[in-house]
Amino acid sequence: MIAIDQLTDEQFERHALDLLQRELGPDGLARFLRLNRSGTGDYTRDREQWQMDFTLDQILESIRKNRPH
């Protein structure tokens, strides 16, 4: 077994999910994922609020800056 600190994030997540399924069973794993991945709040409403003052030019510039070169 590879040391935990040497796993990629994807490998670590797969390993953790395998452990949870083994310990909790499929139903327990499904419940865990539902509770821990659903989040809270209204993302669409929140996003609209924090983006409402951006112009189209600002949004396009942000996209250009954050694209890998």
Protein backbone atom coordinates (compact mmCIF):
# COMPACT_ATOMS: atom_id res chain seq x y z
CA MET A 1 0.00 0.00 0.00
CA ILE A 2 1.21 3.48 -0.91
CA ALA A 3 1.58 5.94 1.97
CA ILE A 4 -1.41 8.27 2.27
CA ASP A 5 0.76 11.35 1.71
CA GLN A 6 1.95 9.96 -1.62
CA LEU A 7 -1.53 9.46 -3.08
CA THR A 8 -2.97 11.97 -5.52
CA ASP A 9 -6.19 13.64 -4.39
CA GLU A 10 -8.16 11.35 -6.70
CA GLN A 11 -6.45 8.23 -5.34
CA PHE A 12 -6.95 9.40 -1.76
CA GLU A 13 -10.65 10.04 -2.33
CA ARG A 14 -11.11 6.59 -3.91
CA HIS A 15 -9.26 4.98 -0.99
CA ALA A 16 -11.37 6.87 1.57
CA LEU A 17 -14.61 5.94 -0.21
CA ASP A 18 -13.55 2.29 -0.33
CA LEU A 19 -12.90 2.36 3.42
CA LEU A 20 -16.24 3.99 4.14
CA GLN A 21 -18.10 1.50 2.00
CA ARG A 22 -16.36 -1.42 3.68
CA GLU A 23 -17.14 -0.08 7.16
CA LEU A 24 -20.59 1.42 6.56
CA GLY A 25 -21.89 -0.67 3.68
CA PRO A 26 -23.40 0.75 0.48
CA ASP A 27 -26.35 2.38 2.26
CA GLY A 28 -24.11 4.01 4.85
CA LEU A 29 -21.76 5.29 2.16
CA ALA A 30 -24.67 6.74 0.20
CA ARG A 31 -25.96 8.47 3.33
CA PHE A 32 -22.51 9.87 4.12
CA LEU A 33 -22.10 11.24 0.59
CA ARG A 34 -25.56 12.80 0.64
CA LEU A 35 -24.85 14.54 3.94
CA ASN A 36 -21.36 15.72 3.06
CA ARG A 37 -21.70 16.76 -0.55
CA SER A 38 -25.01 18.55 -0.67
CA GLY A 39 -23.88 21.70 1.13
CA THR A 40 -26.20 24.39 2.36
CA GLY A 41 -27.59 27.62 0.99
CA ASP A 42 -28.62 28.68 -2.48
CA TYR A 43 -25.53 28.75 -4.70
CA THR A 44 -27.35 30.31 -7.65
CA ARG A 45 -28.74 33.19 -5.59
CA ASP A 46 -25.43 33.74 -3.79
CA ARG A 47 -23.48 33.71 -7.08
CA GLU A 48 -25.84 36.25 -8.61
CA GLN A 49 -25.38 38.54 -5.60
CA TRP A 50 -21.59 38.52 -5.64
CA GLN A 51 -21.42 38.84 -9.43
CA MET A 52 -24.10 41.50 -9.90
CA ASP A 53 -21.62 44.40 -10.10
CA PHE A 54 -19.27 42.76 -12.63
CA THR A 55 -19.32 43.99 -16.21
CA LEU A 56 -19.00 41.59 -19.12
CA ASP A 57 -15.52 42.97 -19.80
CA GLN A 58 -14.45 42.24 -16.21
CA ILE A 59 -15.74 38.68 -16.43
CA LEU A 60 -13.97 38.06 -19.74
CA GLU A 61 -10.72 39.51 -18.37
CA SER A 62 -10.96 37.26 -15.32
CA ILE A 63 -11.41 34.22 -17.57
CA ARG A 64 -8.39 35.22 -19.67
CA LYS A 65 -6.22 35.67 -16.56
CA ASN A 66 -7.17 32.31 -15.09
CA ARG A 67 -6.73 30.18 -18.21
CA PRO A 68 -3.62 28.01 -18.22
CA HIS A 69 -1.04 29.27 -20.68
